[in-house]
Amino acid sequence: MALTITNLSKVYPNGVRALKNLSLTIGNNMFGLLGPNGAGKSSLMRTIATLQDPDSGSIDLNGMNVLTQKGEVRKLLGYLPQEFGVYPRMSAVDMLNHLAILKGVTVASERQGRRI
């Protein structure tokens, strides 16, 4: 799976510039994203994962335009941030059922054993 990012920029409403003309190509291999706090790592990951839009630039994931084909990208890509907020008293199985229902798998028998 190849990832190509071209001239990606993001400035938040409060004026913080998170990404400035970032270009990057990652082939089909493992890749680490390292940098100090405030370097834009989380902003980049949220943008790749379709959780926020950039101000400019493009992202291609395995031939898909991440910015215009969000639904297709979400079927292929998962994202688990460092700080993952869930309901504190909900079991893992209940959480998976909840997420499946949000994705439209509303019949319980269909959720059993299905990968979403």
C-alpha atoms as a PDB file:
ATOM      1  CA  MET A   1       0.000   0.000   0.000  1.00  0.00           C
ATOM      2  CA  ALA A   2       1.574   3.280  -1.098  1.00  0.00           C
ATOM      3  CA  LEU A   3       0.953   6.677   0.471  1.00  0.00           C
ATOM      4  CA  THR A   4       1.799   9.889  -1.391  1.00  0.00           C
ATOM      5  CA  ILE A   5       1.311  13.274   0.255  1.00  0.00           C
ATOM      6  CA  THR A   6       1.848  16.404  -1.825  1.00  0.00           C
ATOM      7  CA  ASN A   7       2.094  19.992  -0.528  1.00  0.00           C
ATOM      8  CA  LEU A   8      -0.175  19.354   2.465  1.00  0.00           C
ATOM      9  CA  SER A   9      -0.895  22.384   4.664  1.00  0.00           C
ATOM     10  CA  LYS A  10      -3.138  22.924   7.674  1.00  0.00           C
ATOM     11  CA  VAL A  11      -3.644  26.053   9.774  1.00  0.00           C
ATOM     12  CA  TYR A  12      -6.133  25.855  12.642  1.00  0.00           C
ATOM     13  CA  PRO A  13      -8.640  28.675  13.324  1.00  0.00           C
ATOM     14  CA  ASN A  14      -6.535  29.852  16.277  1.00  0.00           C
ATOM     15  CA  GLY A  15      -3.630  30.549  13.889  1.00  0.00           C
ATOM     16  CA  VAL A  16      -1.493  27.499  14.704  1.00  0.00           C
ATOM     17  CA  ARG A  17       0.209  26.211  11.555  1.00  0.00           C
ATOM     18  CA  ALA A  18       0.321  22.425  11.959  1.00  0.00           C
ATOM     19  CA  LEU A  19       1.498  21.458   8.457  1.00  0.00           C
ATOM     20  CA  LYS A  20       3.305  23.562   5.877  1.00  0.00           C
ATOM     21  CA  ASN A  21       3.656  22.216   2.322  1.00  0.00           C
ATOM     22  CA  LEU A  22       4.450  18.675   3.501  1.00  0.00           C
ATOM     23  CA  SER A  23       5.354  16.234   0.725  1.00  0.00           C
ATOM     24  CA  LEU A  24       6.123  12.602   1.481  1.00  0.00           C
ATOM     25  CA  THR A  25       6.028   9.223  -0.250  1.00  0.00           C
ATOM     26  CA  ILE A  26       5.883   5.975   1.728  1.00  0.00           C
ATOM     27  CA  GLY A  27       5.995   2.640  -0.057  1.00  0.00           C
ATOM     28  CA  ASN A  28       4.652  -0.705   1.083  1.00  0.00           C
ATOM     29  CA  ASN A  29       6.650  -0.933   4.312  1.00  0.00           C
ATOM     30  CA  MET A  30       6.629   0.042   7.961  1.00  0.00           C
ATOM     31  CA  PHE A  31       7.215   3.683   8.735  1.00  0.00           C
ATOM     32  CA  GLY A  32       7.619   5.625  11.982  1.00  0.00           C
ATOM     33  CA  LEU A  33       6.521   9.203  12.471  1.00  0.00           C
ATOM     34  CA  LEU A  34       8.646  10.905  15.111  1.00  0.00           C
ATOM     35  CA  GLY A  35       8.950  14.514  16.234  1.00  0.00           C
ATOM     36  CA  PRO A  36       8.585  16.829  19.202  1.00  0.00           C
ATOM     37  CA  ASN A  37       5.228  17.937  20.569  1.00  0.00           C
ATOM     38  CA  GLY A  38       3.662  20.445  18.212  1.00  0.00           C
ATOM     39  CA  ALA A  39       5.487  19.145  15.127  1.00  0.00           C
ATOM     40  CA  GLY A  40       2.228  18.207  13.361  1.00  0.00           C
ATOM     41  CA  LYS A  41       2.274  14.413  13.750  1.00  0.00           C
ATOM     42  CA  SER A  42      -1.291  14.150  15.058  1.00  0.00           C
ATOM     43  CA  SER A  43      -2.548  16.694  12.546  1.00  0.00           C
ATOM     44  CA  LEU A  44      -1.007  14.664   9.734  1.00  0.00           C
ATOM     45  CA  MET A  45      -2.479  11.400  11.004  1.00  0.00           C
ATOM     46  CA  ARG A  46      -5.957  12.912  11.501  1.00  0.00           C
ATOM     47  CA  THR A  47      -5.835  14.267   7.964  1.00  0.00           C
ATOM     48  CA  ILE A  48      -4.722  10.955   6.439  1.00  0.00           C
ATOM     49  CA  ALA A  49      -7.457   9.175   8.427  1.00  0.00           C
ATOM     50  CA  THR A  50     -10.097  11.571   6.971  1.00  0.00           C
ATOM     51  CA  LEU A  51     -10.923  13.055  10.383  1.00  0.00           C
ATOM     52  CA  GLN A  52     -10.052  16.587   9.266  1.00  0.00           C
ATOM     53  CA  ASP A  53      -9.523  18.348   5.950  1.00  0.00           C
ATOM     54  CA  PRO A  54      -6.305  20.127   5.049  1.00  0.00           C
ATOM     55  CA  ASP A  55      -6.281  23.711   3.817  1.00  0.00           C
ATOM     56  CA  SER A  56      -4.390  22.638   0.705  1.00  0.00           C
ATOM     57  CA  GLY A  57      -2.522  19.712  -0.804  1.00  0.00           C
ATOM     58  CA  SER A  58      -3.398  16.162  -1.740  1.00  0.00           C
ATOM     59  CA  ILE A  59      -3.130  12.659  -0.293  1.00  0.00           C
ATOM     60  CA  ASP A  60      -3.151   9.483  -2.376  1.00  0.00           C
ATOM     61  CA  LEU A  61      -3.492   6.140  -0.577  1.00  0.00           C
ATOM     62  CA  ASN A  62      -3.119   3.102  -2.782  1.00  0.00           C
ATOM     63  CA  GLY A  63      -4.551   4.959  -5.776  1.00  0.00           C
ATOM     64  CA  MET A  64      -7.419   6.580  -3.854  1.00  0.00           C
ATOM     65  CA  ASN A  65      -7.788  10.301  -3.313  1.00  0.00           C
ATOM     66  CA  VAL A  66      -8.084  10.508   0.471  1.00  0.00           C
ATOM     67  CA  LEU A  67      -9.757  13.918   0.352  1.00  0.00           C
ATOM     68  CA  THR A  68     -12.536  12.986  -2.098  1.00  0.00           C
ATOM     69  CA  GLN A  69     -12.951   9.227  -1.500  1.00  0.00           C
ATOM     70  CA  LYS A  70     -13.281   9.275   2.285  1.00  0.00           C
ATOM     71  CA  GLY A  71     -15.739   6.376   2.452  1.00  0.00           C
ATOM     72  CA  GLU A  72     -13.477   4.074   0.457  1.00  0.00           C
ATOM     73  CA  VAL A  73     -10.427   5.112   2.471  1.00  0.00           C
ATOM     74  CA  ARG A  74     -12.239   4.423   5.752  1.00  0.00           C
ATOM     75  CA  LYS A  75     -12.996   0.863   4.589  1.00  0.00           C
ATOM     76  CA  LEU A  76      -9.279   0.281   4.087  1.00  0.00           C
ATOM     77  CA  LEU A  77      -7.594   2.319   6.796  1.00  0.00           C
ATOM     78  CA  GLY A  78      -7.852   2.185  10.563  1.00  0.00           C
ATOM     79  CA  TYR A  79      -6.545   4.811  12.966  1.00  0.00           C
ATOM     80  CA  LEU A  80      -6.014   4.479  16.703  1.00  0.00           C
ATOM     81  CA  PRO A  81      -4.680   7.667  18.273  1.00  0.00           C
ATOM     82  CA  GLN A  82      -2.412   7.644  21.310  1.00  0.00           C
ATOM     83  CA  GLU A  83      -5.234   9.030  23.424  1.00  0.00           C
ATOM     84  CA  PHE A  84      -8.277   6.948  22.518  1.00  0.00           C
ATOM     85  CA  GLY A  85     -11.387   8.054  24.352  1.00  0.00           C
ATOM     86  CA  VAL A  86     -14.056   5.409  24.871  1.00  0.00           C
ATOM     87  CA  TYR A  87     -16.901   5.007  27.273  1.00  0.00           C
ATOM     88  CA  PRO A  88     -15.184   3.986  30.541  1.00  0.00           C
ATOM     89  CA  ARG A  89     -17.762   1.401  31.639  1.00  0.00           C
ATOM     90  CA  MET A  90     -18.265  -0.207  28.214  1.00  0.00           C
ATOM     91  CA  SER A  91     -16.755  -3.620  27.449  1.00  0.00           C
ATOM     92  CA  ALA A  92     -14.679  -4.207  24.309  1.00  0.00           C
ATOM     93  CA  VAL A  93     -17.463  -6.355  22.787  1.00  0.00           C
ATOM     94  CA  ASP A  94     -20.087  -3.690  23.501  1.00  0.00           C
ATOM     95  CA  MET A  95     -17.814  -1.055  21.969  1.00  0.00           C
ATOM     96  CA  LEU A  96     -17.310  -3.159  18.813  1.00  0.00           C
ATOM     97  CA  ASN A  97     -21.070  -3.666  18.525  1.00  0.00           C
ATOM     98  CA  HIS A  98     -21.609   0.063  18.971  1.00  0.00           C
ATOM     99  CA  LEU A  99     -19.098   0.879  16.208  1.00  0.00           C
ATOM    100  CA  ALA A 100     -20.625  -1.751  13.895  1.00  0.00           C
ATOM    101  CA  ILE A 101     -24.068  -0.237  14.375  1.00  0.00           C
ATOM    102  CA  LEU A 102     -22.662   3.209  13.564  1.00  0.00           C
ATOM    103  CA  LYS A 103     -21.265   1.711  10.350  1.00  0.00           C
ATOM    104  CA  GLY A 104     -24.716   0.405   9.424  1.00  0.00           C
ATOM    105  CA  VAL A 105     -24.509  -3.235  10.534  1.00  0.00           C
ATOM    106  CA  THR A 106     -27.691  -3.131  12.609  1.00  0.00           C
ATOM    107  CA  VAL A 107     -28.678  -6.820  12.702  1.00  0.00           C
ATOM    108  CA  ALA A 108     -26.880  -8.601  15.566  1.00  0.00           C
ATOM    109  CA  SER A 109     -26.444 -11.868  13.648  1.00  0.00           C
ATOM    110  CA  GLU A 110     -24.677  -9.973  10.841  1.00  0.00           C
ATOM    111  CA  ARG A 111     -22.175  -8.505  13.309  1.00  0.00           C
ATOM    112  CA  GLN A 112     -21.083 -11.891  14.652  1.00  0.00           C
ATOM    113  CA  GLY A 113     -17.707 -12.796  13.152  1.00  0.00           C
ATOM    114  CA  ARG A 114     -17.739  -9.909  10.678  1.00  0.00           C
ATOM    115  CA  ARG A 115     -14.684  -7.743  10.126  1.00  0.00           C
ATOM    116  CA  ILE A 116     -15.558  -4.062   9.831  1.00  0.00           C
END
